Full PDB file with SEQRES, HELIX, SHEET, SSBOND, CRYST1, ORIGX, SCALE, CONECT and MASTER records, all heavy atoms in Angstrom:
SEQRES   1 A   41  MET PHE THR THR THR THR THR ARG LEU ASP PRO ASP LYS          
SEQRES   2 A   41  GLU VAL PHE GLU TRP ASN TRP TYR SER LYS GLU ASN LEU          
SEQRES   3 A   41  PRO GLU GLY LEU SER ARG GLN LYS ASN MET ASN ARG LEU          
SEQRES   4 A   41  GLU THR                                                      
HELIX    1 AA1 LYS A   23  ASN A   25  5                                   3    
HELIX    2 AA2 GLU A   28  SER A   31  5                                   4    
HELIX    3 AA3 GLN A   33  ASN A   35  5                                   3    
HELIX    4 AA4 MET A   36  GLU A   40  1                                   5    
CRYST1    1.000    1.000    1.000  90.00  90.00  90.00 P 1           1          
ORIGX1      1.000000  0.000000  0.000000        0.00000                         
ORIGX2      0.000000  1.000000  0.000000        0.00000                         
ORIGX3      0.000000  0.000000  1.000000        0.00000                         
SCALE1      1.000000  0.000000  0.000000        0.00000                         
SCALE2      0.000000  1.000000  0.000000        0.00000                         
SCALE3      0.000000  0.000000  1.000000        0.00000                         
ATOM      1  N   MET A   1     103.586 105.077 107.109  1.00  0.00           N  
ATOM      2  CA  MET A   1     104.063 106.248 106.404  1.00  0.00           C  
ATOM      3  C   MET A   1     105.218 106.866 107.126  1.00  0.00           C  
ATOM      4  O   MET A   1     105.257 106.844 108.329  1.00  0.00           O  
ATOM      5  CB  MET A   1     102.895 107.257 106.269  1.00  0.00           C  
ATOM      6  CG  MET A   1     103.201 108.323 105.285  1.00  0.00           C  
ATOM      7  SD  MET A   1     103.385 107.564 103.660  1.00  0.00           S  
ATOM      8  CE  MET A   1     102.906 108.862 102.649  1.00  0.00           C  
ATOM      9  N   PHE A   2     106.168 107.397 106.417  1.00  0.00           N  
ATOM     10  CA  PHE A   2     107.345 108.093 106.970  1.00  0.00           C  
ATOM     11  C   PHE A   2     108.236 107.119 107.802  1.00  0.00           C  
ATOM     12  O   PHE A   2     108.837 107.574 108.800  1.00  0.00           O  
ATOM     13  CB  PHE A   2     106.947 109.330 107.760  1.00  0.00           C  
ATOM     14  CG  PHE A   2     105.998 110.259 107.023  1.00  0.00           C  
ATOM     15  CD1 PHE A   2     104.740 110.510 107.476  1.00  0.00           C  
ATOM     16  CD2 PHE A   2     106.495 110.867 105.825  1.00  0.00           C  
ATOM     17  CE1 PHE A   2     103.927 111.373 106.789  1.00  0.00           C  
ATOM     18  CE2 PHE A   2     105.639 111.748 105.152  1.00  0.00           C  
ATOM     19  CZ  PHE A   2     104.385 111.990 105.595  1.00  0.00           C  
ATOM     20  N   THR A   3     108.294 105.874 107.405  1.00  0.00           N  
ATOM     21  CA  THR A   3     109.206 104.943 108.079  1.00  0.00           C  
ATOM     22  C   THR A   3     110.621 105.322 107.747  1.00  0.00           C  
ATOM     23  O   THR A   3     110.981 105.445 106.616  1.00  0.00           O  
ATOM     24  CB  THR A   3     108.911 103.517 107.652  1.00  0.00           C  
ATOM     25  OG1 THR A   3     107.519 103.173 108.037  1.00  0.00           O  
ATOM     26  CG2 THR A   3     109.857 102.538 108.311  1.00  0.00           C  
ATOM     27  N   THR A   4     111.442 105.509 108.793  1.00  0.00           N  
ATOM     28  CA  THR A   4     112.849 105.801 108.583  1.00  0.00           C  
ATOM     29  C   THR A   4     113.653 104.517 108.642  1.00  0.00           C  
ATOM     30  O   THR A   4     113.274 103.549 109.244  1.00  0.00           O  
ATOM     31  CB  THR A   4     113.386 106.827 109.601  1.00  0.00           C  
ATOM     32  OG1 THR A   4     113.218 106.254 110.930  1.00  0.00           O  
ATOM     33  CG2 THR A   4     112.662 108.136 109.550  1.00  0.00           C  
ATOM     34  N   THR A   5     114.798 104.580 107.970  1.00  0.00           N  
ATOM     35  CA  THR A   5     115.692 103.444 107.922  1.00  0.00           C  
ATOM     36  C   THR A   5     117.109 103.876 108.263  1.00  0.00           C  
ATOM     37  O   THR A   5     117.389 105.062 108.259  1.00  0.00           O  
ATOM     38  CB  THR A   5     115.666 102.787 106.500  1.00  0.00           C  
ATOM     39  OG1 THR A   5     116.175 103.753 105.596  1.00  0.00           O  
ATOM     40  CG2 THR A   5     114.292 102.300 106.116  1.00  0.00           C  
ATOM     41  N   THR A   6     117.926 102.880 108.558  1.00  0.00           N  
ATOM     42  CA  THR A   6     119.337 103.182 108.811  1.00  0.00           C  
ATOM     43  C   THR A   6     120.184 101.962 108.414  1.00  0.00           C  
ATOM     44  O   THR A   6     119.673 100.819 108.474  1.00  0.00           O  
ATOM     45  CB  THR A   6     119.569 103.495 110.276  1.00  0.00           C  
ATOM     46  OG1 THR A   6     120.964 103.802 110.479  1.00  0.00           O  
ATOM     47  CG2 THR A   6     119.209 102.377 111.189  1.00  0.00           C  
ATOM     48  N   THR A   7     121.383 102.185 108.029  1.00  0.00           N  
ATOM     49  CA  THR A   7     122.344 101.099 107.778  1.00  0.00           C  
ATOM     50  C   THR A   7     123.329 101.003 108.937  1.00  0.00           C  
ATOM     51  O   THR A   7     124.174 100.111 108.946  1.00  0.00           O  
ATOM     52  CB  THR A   7     123.152 101.341 106.475  1.00  0.00           C  
ATOM     53  OG1 THR A   7     123.825 102.588 106.590  1.00  0.00           O  
ATOM     54  CG2 THR A   7     122.254 101.335 105.277  1.00  0.00           C  
ATOM     55  N   ARG A   8     123.162 101.870 109.889  1.00  0.00           N  
ATOM     56  CA  ARG A   8     124.090 101.969 111.024  1.00  0.00           C  
ATOM     57  C   ARG A   8     124.157 100.686 111.889  1.00  0.00           C  
ATOM     58  O   ARG A   8     125.186 100.334 112.436  1.00  0.00           O  
ATOM     59  CB  ARG A   8     123.694 103.127 111.920  1.00  0.00           C  
ATOM     60  CG  ARG A   8     124.720 103.541 112.931  1.00  0.00           C  
ATOM     61  CD  ARG A   8     124.303 104.754 113.740  1.00  0.00           C  
ATOM     62  NE  ARG A   8     123.175 104.398 114.610  1.00  0.00           N  
ATOM     63  CZ  ARG A   8     121.973 104.977 114.634  1.00  0.00           C  
ATOM     64  NH1 ARG A   8     121.751 105.990 113.797  1.00  0.00           N  
ATOM     65  NH2 ARG A   8     121.070 104.597 115.427  1.00  0.00           N  
ATOM     66  N   LEU A   9     123.045  99.922 111.920  1.00  0.00           N  
ATOM     67  CA  LEU A   9     122.997  98.729 112.753  1.00  0.00           C  
ATOM     68  C   LEU A   9     123.479  97.455 112.060  1.00  0.00           C  
ATOM     69  O   LEU A   9     123.674  96.444 112.725  1.00  0.00           O  
ATOM     70  CB  LEU A   9     121.551  98.501 113.253  1.00  0.00           C  
ATOM     71  CG  LEU A   9     120.878  99.633 113.976  1.00  0.00           C  
ATOM     72  CD1 LEU A   9     119.397  99.341 114.192  1.00  0.00           C  
ATOM     73  CD2 LEU A   9     121.591  99.932 115.281  1.00  0.00           C  
ATOM     74  N   ASP A  10     123.673  97.509 110.782  1.00  0.00           N  
ATOM     75  CA  ASP A  10     124.024  96.351 109.956  1.00  0.00           C  
ATOM     76  C   ASP A  10     125.396  95.907 110.287  1.00  0.00           C  
ATOM     77  O   ASP A  10     126.387  96.591 109.981  1.00  0.00           O  
ATOM     78  CB  ASP A  10     123.880  96.678 108.482  1.00  0.00           C  
ATOM     79  CG  ASP A  10     124.106  95.460 107.611  1.00  0.00           C  
ATOM     80  OD1 ASP A  10     124.320  94.369 108.168  1.00  0.00           O  
ATOM     81  OD2 ASP A  10     123.968  95.592 106.356  1.00  0.00           O  
ATOM     82  N   PRO A  11     125.581  94.674 110.901  1.00  0.00           N  
ATOM     83  CA  PRO A  11     126.907  94.207 111.244  1.00  0.00           C  
ATOM     84  C   PRO A  11     127.763  93.935 109.982  1.00  0.00           C  
ATOM     85  O   PRO A  11     128.980  94.013 110.070  1.00  0.00           O  
ATOM     86  CB  PRO A  11     126.634  92.937 112.018  1.00  0.00           C  
ATOM     87  CG  PRO A  11     125.306  92.522 111.635  1.00  0.00           C  
ATOM     88  CD  PRO A  11     124.551  93.744 111.262  1.00  0.00           C  
ATOM     89  N   ASP A  12     127.111  93.667 108.844  1.00  0.00           N  
ATOM     90  CA  ASP A  12     127.861  93.334 107.630  1.00  0.00           C  
ATOM     91  C   ASP A  12     128.063  94.514 106.703  1.00  0.00           C  
ATOM     92  O   ASP A  12     128.804  94.437 105.707  1.00  0.00           O  
ATOM     93  CB  ASP A  12     127.150  92.236 106.858  1.00  0.00           C  
ATOM     94  CG  ASP A  12     126.952  91.005 107.690  1.00  0.00           C  
ATOM     95  OD1 ASP A  12     127.893  90.664 108.417  1.00  0.00           O  
ATOM     96  OD2 ASP A  12     125.883  90.382 107.647  1.00  0.00           O  
ATOM     97  N   LYS A  13     127.365  95.654 106.983  1.00  0.00           N  
ATOM     98  CA  LYS A  13     127.508  96.858 106.191  1.00  0.00           C  
ATOM     99  C   LYS A  13     127.339  96.548 104.695  1.00  0.00           C  
ATOM    100  O   LYS A  13     128.158  96.911 103.875  1.00  0.00           O  
ATOM    101  CB  LYS A  13     128.814  97.592 106.402  1.00  0.00           C  
ATOM    102  CG  LYS A  13     129.097  97.925 107.843  1.00  0.00           C  
ATOM    103  CD  LYS A  13     128.177  98.940 108.377  1.00  0.00           C  
ATOM    104  CE  LYS A  13     128.498  99.292 109.823  1.00  0.00           C  
ATOM    105  NZ  LYS A  13     127.352  99.636 110.608  1.00  0.00           N  
ATOM    106  N   GLU A  14     126.238  95.806 104.370  1.00  0.00           N  
ATOM    107  CA  GLU A  14     126.065  95.263 103.027  1.00  0.00           C  
ATOM    108  C   GLU A  14     125.592  96.222 101.951  1.00  0.00           C  
ATOM    109  O   GLU A  14     125.880  96.063 100.791  1.00  0.00           O  
ATOM    110  CB  GLU A  14     125.046  94.134 103.084  1.00  0.00           C  
ATOM    111  CG  GLU A  14     125.517  92.930 103.895  1.00  0.00           C  
ATOM    112  CD  GLU A  14     124.418  91.929 104.054  1.00  0.00           C  
ATOM    113  OE1 GLU A  14     123.481  92.185 104.835  1.00  0.00           O  
ATOM    114  OE2 GLU A  14     124.552  90.853 103.444  1.00  0.00           O  
ATOM    115  N   VAL A  15     124.890  97.299 102.376  1.00  0.00           N  
ATOM    116  CA  VAL A  15     124.312  98.182 101.372  1.00  0.00           C  
ATOM    117  C   VAL A  15     124.813  99.590 101.572  1.00  0.00           C  
ATOM    118  O   VAL A  15     125.263  99.990 102.669  1.00  0.00           O  
ATOM    119  CB  VAL A  15     122.726  98.161 101.436  1.00  0.00           C  
ATOM    120  CG1 VAL A  15     122.200  96.772 101.124  1.00  0.00           C  
ATOM    121  CG2 VAL A  15     122.191  98.719 102.678  1.00  0.00           C  
ATOM    122  N   PHE A  16     124.663 100.414 100.558  1.00  0.00           N  
ATOM    123  CA  PHE A  16     125.066 101.819 100.587  1.00  0.00           C  
ATOM    124  C   PHE A  16     124.059 102.607 101.446  1.00  0.00           C  
ATOM    125  O   PHE A  16     124.409 103.220 102.402  1.00  0.00           O  
ATOM    126  CB  PHE A  16     125.132 102.444  99.178  1.00  0.00           C  
ATOM    127  CG  PHE A  16     126.267 101.849  98.396  1.00  0.00           C  
ATOM    128  CD1 PHE A  16     126.005 100.893  97.381  1.00  0.00           C  
ATOM    129  CD2 PHE A  16     127.556 102.183  98.597  1.00  0.00           C  
ATOM    130  CE1 PHE A  16     127.049 100.346  96.649  1.00  0.00           C  
ATOM    131  CE2 PHE A  16     128.627 101.683  97.857  1.00  0.00           C  
ATOM    132  CZ  PHE A  16     128.336 100.744  96.865  1.00  0.00           C  
ATOM    133  N   GLU A  17     122.754 102.538 101.051  1.00  0.00           N  
ATOM    134  CA  GLU A  17     121.700 103.200 101.781  1.00  0.00           C  
ATOM    135  C   GLU A  17     120.377 102.694 101.316  1.00  0.00           C  
ATOM    136  O   GLU A  17     120.233 102.280 100.165  1.00  0.00           O  
ATOM    137  CB  GLU A  17     121.777 104.716 101.697  1.00  0.00           C  
ATOM    138  CG  GLU A  17     121.435 105.292 100.373  1.00  0.00           C  
ATOM    139  CD  GLU A  17     121.397 106.818 100.326  1.00  0.00           C  
ATOM    140  OE1 GLU A  17     120.956 107.430 101.322  1.00  0.00           O  
ATOM    141  OE2 GLU A  17     121.861 107.385  99.333  1.00  0.00           O  
ATOM    142  N   TRP A  18     119.356 102.742 102.174  1.00  0.00           N  
ATOM    143  CA  TRP A  18     118.034 102.313 101.818  1.00  0.00           C  
ATOM    144  C   TRP A  18     117.231 103.500 101.310  1.00  0.00           C  
ATOM    145  O   TRP A  18     117.335 104.604 101.848  1.00  0.00           O  
ATOM    146  CB  TRP A  18     117.318 101.739 103.062  1.00  0.00           C  
ATOM    147  CG  TRP A  18     117.910 100.462 103.533  1.00  0.00           C  
ATOM    148  CD1 TRP A  18     118.801 100.322 104.536  1.00  0.00           C  
ATOM    149  CD2 TRP A  18     117.759  99.186 102.947  1.00  0.00           C  
ATOM    150  NE1 TRP A  18     119.183  98.995 104.670  1.00  0.00           N  
ATOM    151  CE2 TRP A  18     118.575  98.293 103.717  1.00  0.00           C  
ATOM    152  CE3 TRP A  18     117.011  98.650 101.910  1.00  0.00           C  
ATOM    153  CZ2 TRP A  18     118.576  96.928 103.406  1.00  0.00           C  
ATOM    154  CZ3 TRP A  18     117.052  97.303 101.649  1.00  0.00           C  
ATOM    155  CH2 TRP A  18     117.841  96.459 102.398  1.00  0.00           C  
ATOM    156  N   ASN A  19     116.439 103.290 100.257  1.00  0.00           N  
ATOM    157  CA  ASN A  19     115.602 104.342  99.716  1.00  0.00           C  
ATOM    158  C   ASN A  19     114.226 103.723  99.338  1.00  0.00           C  
ATOM    159  O   ASN A  19     114.104 102.548  99.015  1.00  0.00           O  
ATOM    160  CB  ASN A  19     116.207 104.942  98.436  1.00  0.00           C  
ATOM    161  CG  ASN A  19     117.391 105.772  98.784  1.00  0.00           C  
ATOM    162  OD1 ASN A  19     117.303 106.769  99.454  1.00  0.00           O  
ATOM    163  ND2 ASN A  19     118.618 105.361  98.293  1.00  0.00           N  
ATOM    164  N   TRP A  20     113.206 104.587  99.406  1.00  0.00           N  
ATOM    165  CA  TRP A  20     111.864 104.192  99.038  1.00  0.00           C  
ATOM    166  C   TRP A  20     111.637 104.585  97.548  1.00  0.00           C  
ATOM    167  O   TRP A  20     111.879 105.708  97.165  1.00  0.00           O  
ATOM    168  CB  TRP A  20     110.860 104.913  99.933  1.00  0.00           C  
ATOM    169  CG  TRP A  20     110.948 104.484 101.356  1.00  0.00           C  
ATOM    170  CD1 TRP A  20     111.617 105.073 102.336  1.00  0.00           C  
ATOM    171  CD2 TRP A  20     110.316 103.371 101.939  1.00  0.00           C  
ATOM    172  NE1 TRP A  20     111.477 104.413 103.501  1.00  0.00           N  
ATOM    173  CE2 TRP A  20     110.686 103.339 103.296  1.00  0.00           C  
ATOM    174  CE3 TRP A  20     109.478 102.375 101.453  1.00  0.00           C  
ATOM    175  CZ2 TRP A  20     110.245 102.386 104.207  1.00  0.00           C  
ATOM    176  CZ3 TRP A  20     109.034 101.372 102.348  1.00  0.00           C  
ATOM    177  CH2 TRP A  20     109.419 101.406 103.682  1.00  0.00           C  
ATOM    178  N   TYR A  21     111.187 103.649  96.762  1.00  0.00           N  
ATOM    179  CA  TYR A  21     110.950 103.859  95.296  1.00  0.00           C  
ATOM    180  C   TYR A  21     109.501 103.515  94.947  1.00  0.00           C  
ATOM    181  O   TYR A  21     109.015 102.436  95.358  1.00  0.00           O  
ATOM    182  CB  TYR A  21     111.901 102.969  94.481  1.00  0.00           C  
ATOM    183  CG  TYR A  21     113.359 103.303  94.582  1.00  0.00           C  
ATOM    184  CD1 TYR A  21     114.101 102.615  95.564  1.00  0.00           C  
ATOM    185  CD2 TYR A  21     113.907 104.196  93.780  1.00  0.00           C  
ATOM    186  CE1 TYR A  21     115.458 102.950  95.679  1.00  0.00           C  
ATOM    187  CE2 TYR A  21     115.278 104.509  93.877  1.00  0.00           C  
ATOM    188  CZ  TYR A  21     116.036 103.865  94.809  1.00  0.00           C  
ATOM    189  OH  TYR A  21     117.401 104.131  94.959  1.00  0.00           O  
ATOM    190  N   SER A  22     108.883 104.378  94.134  1.00  0.00           N  
ATOM    191  CA  SER A  22     107.566 104.032  93.598  1.00  0.00           C  
ATOM    192  C   SER A  22     107.686 102.896  92.609  1.00  0.00           C  
ATOM    193  O   SER A  22     108.746 102.679  92.029  1.00  0.00           O  
ATOM    194  CB  SER A  22     106.954 105.306  92.931  1.00  0.00           C  
ATOM    195  OG  SER A  22     107.621 105.556  91.751  1.00  0.00           O  
ATOM    196  N   LYS A  23     106.597 102.213  92.369  1.00  0.00           N  
ATOM    197  CA  LYS A  23     106.651 101.085  91.448  1.00  0.00           C  
ATOM    198  C   LYS A  23     106.997 101.492  90.030  1.00  0.00           C  
ATOM    199  O   LYS A  23     107.541 100.776  89.261  1.00  0.00           O  
ATOM    200  CB  LYS A  23     105.330 100.271  91.471  1.00  0.00           C  
ATOM    201  CG  LYS A  23     104.106 101.004  90.960  1.00  0.00           C  
ATOM    202  CD  LYS A  23     102.901 100.146  91.161  1.00  0.00           C  
ATOM    203  CE  LYS A  23     101.637 100.721  90.615  1.00  0.00           C  
ATOM    204  NZ  LYS A  23     101.285 102.064  90.913  1.00  0.00           N  
ATOM    205  N   GLU A  24     106.694 102.794  89.686  1.00  0.00           N  
ATOM    206  CA  GLU A  24     106.979 103.339  88.387  1.00  0.00           C  
ATOM    207  C   GLU A  24     108.463 103.816  88.274  1.00  0.00           C  
ATOM    208  O   GLU A  24     108.935 104.057  87.167  1.00  0.00           O  
ATOM    209  CB  GLU A  24     106.072 104.561  88.029  1.00  0.00           C  
ATOM    210  CG  GLU A  24     104.625 104.275  88.010  1.00  0.00           C  
ATOM    211  CD  GLU A  24     103.967 104.327  89.406  1.00  0.00           C  
ATOM    212  OE1 GLU A  24     104.539 104.856  90.335  1.00  0.00           O  
ATOM    213  OE2 GLU A  24     102.841 103.798  89.492  1.00  0.00           O  
ATOM    214  N   ASN A  25     109.111 103.922  89.443  1.00  0.00           N  
ATOM    215  CA  ASN A  25     110.459 104.488  89.450  1.00  0.00           C  
ATOM    216  C   ASN A  25     111.446 103.580  90.167  1.00  0.00           C  
ATOM    217  O   ASN A  25     112.385 104.100  90.817  1.00  0.00           O  
ATOM    218  CB  ASN A  25     110.407 105.843  90.085  1.00  0.00           C  
ATOM    219  CG  ASN A  25     111.619 106.679  89.804  1.00  0.00           C  
ATOM    220  OD1 ASN A  25     112.236 106.549  88.756  1.00  0.00           O  
ATOM    221  ND2 ASN A  25     112.019 107.565  90.724  1.00  0.00           N  
ATOM    222  N   LEU A  26     111.282 102.266  90.030  1.00  0.00           N  
ATOM    223  CA  LEU A  26     112.247 101.377  90.674  1.00  0.00           C  
ATOM    224  C   LEU A  26     113.636 101.552  89.968  1.00  0.00           C  
ATOM    225  O   LEU A  26     113.694 101.931  88.847  1.00  0.00           O  
ATOM    226  CB  LEU A  26     111.763  99.877  90.507  1.00  0.00           C  
ATOM    227  CG  LEU A  26     110.541  99.511  91.322  1.00  0.00           C  
ATOM    228  CD1 LEU A  26     110.029  98.157  90.961  1.00  0.00           C  
ATOM    229  CD2 LEU A  26     110.858  99.515  92.866  1.00  0.00           C  
ATOM    230  N   PRO A  27     114.705 101.267  90.703  1.00  0.00           N  
ATOM    231  CA  PRO A  27     116.039 101.437  90.136  1.00  0.00           C  
ATOM    232  C   PRO A  27     116.213 100.643  88.846  1.00  0.00           C  
ATOM    233  O   PRO A  27     115.769  99.486  88.762  1.00  0.00           O  
ATOM    234  CB  PRO A  27     116.969 100.943  91.215  1.00  0.00           C  
ATOM    235  CG  PRO A  27     116.200 101.014  92.460  1.00  0.00           C  
ATOM    236  CD  PRO A  27     114.796 100.836  92.117  1.00  0.00           C  
ATOM    237  N   GLU A  28     116.851 101.244  87.838  1.00  0.00           N  
ATOM    238  CA  GLU A  28     117.071 100.579  86.567  1.00  0.00           C  
ATOM    239  C   GLU A  28     117.798  99.234  86.732  1.00  0.00           C  
ATOM    240  O   GLU A  28     117.536  98.272  86.023  1.00  0.00           O  
ATOM    241  CB  GLU A  28     117.891 101.475  85.646  1.00  0.00           C  
ATOM    242  CG  GLU A  28     117.132 102.243  84.712  1.00  0.00           C  
ATOM    243  CD  GLU A  28     117.983 103.023  83.730  1.00  0.00           C  
ATOM    244  OE1 GLU A  28     118.917 102.441  83.176  1.00  0.00           O  
ATOM    245  OE2 GLU A  28     117.765 104.221  83.624  1.00  0.00           O  
ATOM    246  N   GLY A  29     118.703  99.187  87.715  1.00  0.00           N  
ATOM    247  CA  GLY A  29     119.451  97.962  87.927  1.00  0.00           C  
ATOM    248  C   GLY A  29     118.655  96.729  88.267  1.00  0.00           C  
ATOM    249  O   GLY A  29     119.098  95.650  88.091  1.00  0.00           O  
ATOM    250  N   LEU A  30     117.392  96.926  88.741  1.00  0.00           N  
ATOM    251  CA  LEU A  30     116.536  95.781  89.053  1.00  0.00           C  
ATOM    252  C   LEU A  30     116.183  94.973  87.825  1.00  0.00           C  
ATOM    253  O   LEU A  30     115.850  93.794  87.920  1.00  0.00           O  
ATOM    254  CB  LEU A  30     115.284  96.248  89.775  1.00  0.00           C  
ATOM    255  CG  LEU A  30     115.385  96.291  91.287  1.00  0.00           C  
ATOM    256  CD1 LEU A  30     114.209  97.017  91.926  1.00  0.00           C  
ATOM    257  CD2 LEU A  30     115.523  94.909  91.879  1.00  0.00           C  
ATOM    258  N   SER A  31     116.293  95.586  86.669  1.00  0.00           N  
ATOM    259  CA  SER A  31     115.891  94.867  85.412  1.00  0.00           C  
ATOM    260  C   SER A  31     117.070  94.015  84.871  1.00  0.00           C  
ATOM    261  O   SER A  31     116.864  93.252  83.946  1.00  0.00           O  
ATOM    262  CB  SER A  31     115.441  95.833  84.357  1.00  0.00           C  
ATOM    263  OG  SER A  31     116.463  96.724  84.013  1.00  0.00           O  
ATOM    264  N   ARG A  32     118.258  94.104  85.487  1.00  0.00           N  
ATOM    265  CA  ARG A  32     119.396  93.266  85.030  1.00  0.00           C  
ATOM    266  C   ARG A  32     119.145  91.815  85.423  1.00  0.00           C  
ATOM    267  O   ARG A  32     118.443  91.568  86.423  1.00  0.00           O  
ATOM    268  CB  ARG A  32     120.701  93.760  85.660  1.00  0.00           C  
ATOM    269  CG  ARG A  32     121.139  95.088  85.059  1.00  0.00           C  
ATOM    270  CD  ARG A  32     122.489  95.504  85.581  1.00  0.00           C  
ATOM    271  NE  ARG A  32     122.455  95.596  87.017  1.00  0.00           N  
ATOM    272  CZ  ARG A  32     123.043  96.561  87.742  1.00  0.00           C  
ATOM    273  NH1 ARG A  32     123.798  97.439  87.126  1.00  0.00           N  
ATOM    274  NH2 ARG A  32     122.957  96.598  89.034  1.00  0.00           N  
ATOM    275  N   GLN A  33     119.690  90.908  84.681  1.00  0.00           N  
ATOM    276  CA  GLN A  33     119.486  89.458  84.892  1.00  0.00           C  
ATOM    277  C   GLN A  33     119.793  89.059  86.329  1.00  0.00           C  
ATOM    278  O   GLN A  33     119.042  88.293  86.893  1.00  0.00           O  
ATOM    279  CB  GLN A  33     120.321  88.669  83.908  1.00  0.00           C  
ATOM    280  CG  GLN A  33     120.102  87.193  83.959  1.00  0.00           C  
ATOM    281  CD  GLN A  33     118.632  86.785  83.642  1.00  0.00           C  
ATOM    282  OE1 GLN A  33     118.031  87.380  82.761  1.00  0.00           O  
ATOM    283  NE2 GLN A  33     118.165  85.815  84.325  1.00  0.00           N  
ATOM    284  N   LYS A  34     120.866  89.516  86.905  1.00  0.00           N  
ATOM    285  CA  LYS A  34     121.273  89.083  88.243  1.00  0.00           C  
ATOM    286  C   LYS A  34     120.277  89.551  89.304  1.00  0.00           C  
ATOM    287  O   LYS A  34     120.322  89.070  90.426  1.00  0.00           O  
ATOM    288  CB  LYS A  34     122.649  89.554  88.597  1.00  0.00           C  
ATOM    289  CG  LYS A  34     122.843  91.049  88.692  1.00  0.00           C  
ATOM    290  CD  LYS A  34     124.277  91.399  89.044  1.00  0.00           C  
ATOM    291  CE  LYS A  34     124.574  92.854  89.055  1.00  0.00           C  
ATOM    292  NZ  LYS A  34     125.972  93.136  89.350  1.00  0.00           N  
ATOM    293  N   ASN A  35     119.362  90.452  89.006  1.00  0.00           N  
ATOM    294  CA  ASN A  35     118.393  90.955  89.949  1.00  0.00           C  
ATOM    295  C   ASN A  35     116.944  90.377  89.693  1.00  0.00           C  
ATOM    296  O   ASN A  35     116.023  90.806  90.413  1.00  0.00           O  
ATOM    297  CB  ASN A  35     118.304  92.484  89.905  1.00  0.00           C  
ATOM    298  CG  ASN A  35     119.548  93.098  90.413  1.00  0.00           C  
ATOM    299  OD1 ASN A  35     120.072  92.730  91.440  1.00  0.00           O  
ATOM    300  ND2 ASN A  35     120.070  94.054  89.666  1.00  0.00           N  
ATOM    301  N   MET A  36     116.779  89.509  88.729  1.00  0.00           N  
ATOM    302  CA  MET A  36     115.470  89.068  88.333  1.00  0.00           C  
ATOM    303  C   MET A  36     114.698  88.362  89.451  1.00  0.00           C  
ATOM    304  O   MET A  36     113.510  88.570  89.593  1.00  0.00           O  
ATOM    305  CB  MET A  36     115.546  88.153  87.135  1.00  0.00           C  
ATOM    306  CG  MET A  36     115.865  88.936  85.865  1.00  0.00           C  
ATOM    307  SD  MET A  36     114.875  90.432  85.758  1.00  0.00           S  
ATOM    308  CE  MET A  36     114.270  90.322  84.121  1.00  0.00           C  
ATOM    309  N   ASN A  37     115.372  87.603  90.301  1.00  0.00           N  
ATOM    310  CA  ASN A  37     114.602  86.926  91.378  1.00  0.00           C  
ATOM    311  C   ASN A  37     114.054  87.973  92.351  1.00  0.00           C  
ATOM    312  O   ASN A  37     112.927  87.855  92.842  1.00  0.00           O  
ATOM    313  CB  ASN A  37     115.509  85.949  92.144  1.00  0.00           C  
ATOM    314  CG  ASN A  37     115.816  84.710  91.321  1.00  0.00           C  
ATOM    315  OD1 ASN A  37     115.110  84.420  90.416  1.00  0.00           O  
ATOM    316  ND2 ASN A  37     116.869  84.031  91.707  1.00  0.00           N  
ATOM    317  N   ARG A  38     114.867  88.993  92.639  1.00  0.00           N  
ATOM    318  CA  ARG A  38     114.407  90.045  93.558  1.00  0.00           C  
ATOM    319  C   ARG A  38     113.266  90.840  92.924  1.00  0.00           C  
ATOM    320  O   ARG A  38     112.299  91.212  93.599  1.00  0.00           O  
ATOM    321  CB  ARG A  38     115.556  90.953  93.978  1.00  0.00           C  
ATOM    322  CG  ARG A  38     116.444  90.186  94.959  1.00  0.00           C  
ATOM    323  CD  ARG A  38     117.793  90.913  95.170  1.00  0.00           C  
ATOM    324  NE  ARG A  38     118.557  90.292  96.219  1.00  0.00           N  
ATOM    325  CZ  ARG A  38     119.281  89.226  96.095  1.00  0.00           C  
ATOM    326  NH1 ARG A  38     119.308  88.558  94.966  1.00  0.00           N  
ATOM    327  NH2 ARG A  38     119.975  88.771  97.150  1.00  0.00           N  
ATOM    328  N   LEU A  39     113.382  91.174  91.662  1.00  0.00           N  
ATOM    329  CA  LEU A  39     112.288  91.912  90.968  1.00  0.00           C  
ATOM    330  C   LEU A  39     111.037  91.126  90.980  1.00  0.00           C  
ATOM    331  O   LEU A  39     109.927  91.708  91.205  1.00  0.00           O  
ATOM    332  CB  LEU A  39     112.748  92.256  89.576  1.00  0.00           C  
ATOM    333  CG  LEU A  39     111.756  93.113  88.765  1.00  0.00           C  
ATOM    334  CD1 LEU A  39     111.438  94.432  89.476  1.00  0.00           C  
ATOM    335  CD2 LEU A  39     112.291  93.387  87.368  1.00  0.00           C  
ATOM    336  N   GLU A  40     111.139  89.839  90.753  1.00  0.00           N  
ATOM    337  CA  GLU A  40     109.935  88.956  90.737  1.00  0.00           C  
ATOM    338  C   GLU A  40     109.259  89.000  92.149  1.00  0.00           C  
ATOM    339  O   GLU A  40     108.077  89.133  92.248  1.00  0.00           O  
ATOM    340  CB  GLU A  40     110.315  87.535  90.392  1.00  0.00           C  
ATOM    341  CG  GLU A  40     109.194  86.567  90.383  1.00  0.00           C  
ATOM    342  CD  GLU A  40     109.650  85.167  90.117  1.00  0.00           C  
ATOM    343  OE1 GLU A  40     110.415  84.970  89.110  1.00  0.00           O  
ATOM    344  OE2 GLU A  40     109.224  84.256  90.835  1.00  0.00           O  
ATOM    345  N   THR A  41     110.075  88.936  93.203  1.00  0.00           N  
ATOM    346  CA  THR A  41     109.509  89.020  94.553  1.00  0.00           C  
ATOM    347  C   THR A  41     108.911  90.379  94.878  1.00  0.00           C  
ATOM    348  O   THR A  41     107.860  90.471  95.459  1.00  0.00           O  
ATOM    349  CB  THR A  41     110.637  88.704  95.609  1.00  0.00           C  
ATOM    350  OG1 THR A  41     111.185  87.375  95.270  1.00  0.00           O  
ATOM    351  CG2 THR A  41     110.116  88.662  97.047  1.00  0.00           C  
TER     352      THR A  41                                                      
MASTER        0    0    0    4    0    0    0    6  351    1    0    4          
END                                                                             
């Protein structure tokens, strides 16, 4: 619980920021076709 995250250590600076989402409130973008493998995982 209360695990903090940071993008500061990422050498590739790949993401904007990390966020925790409930299963009922996952980002809408996850339902797009290009995200289907990740959504399945």
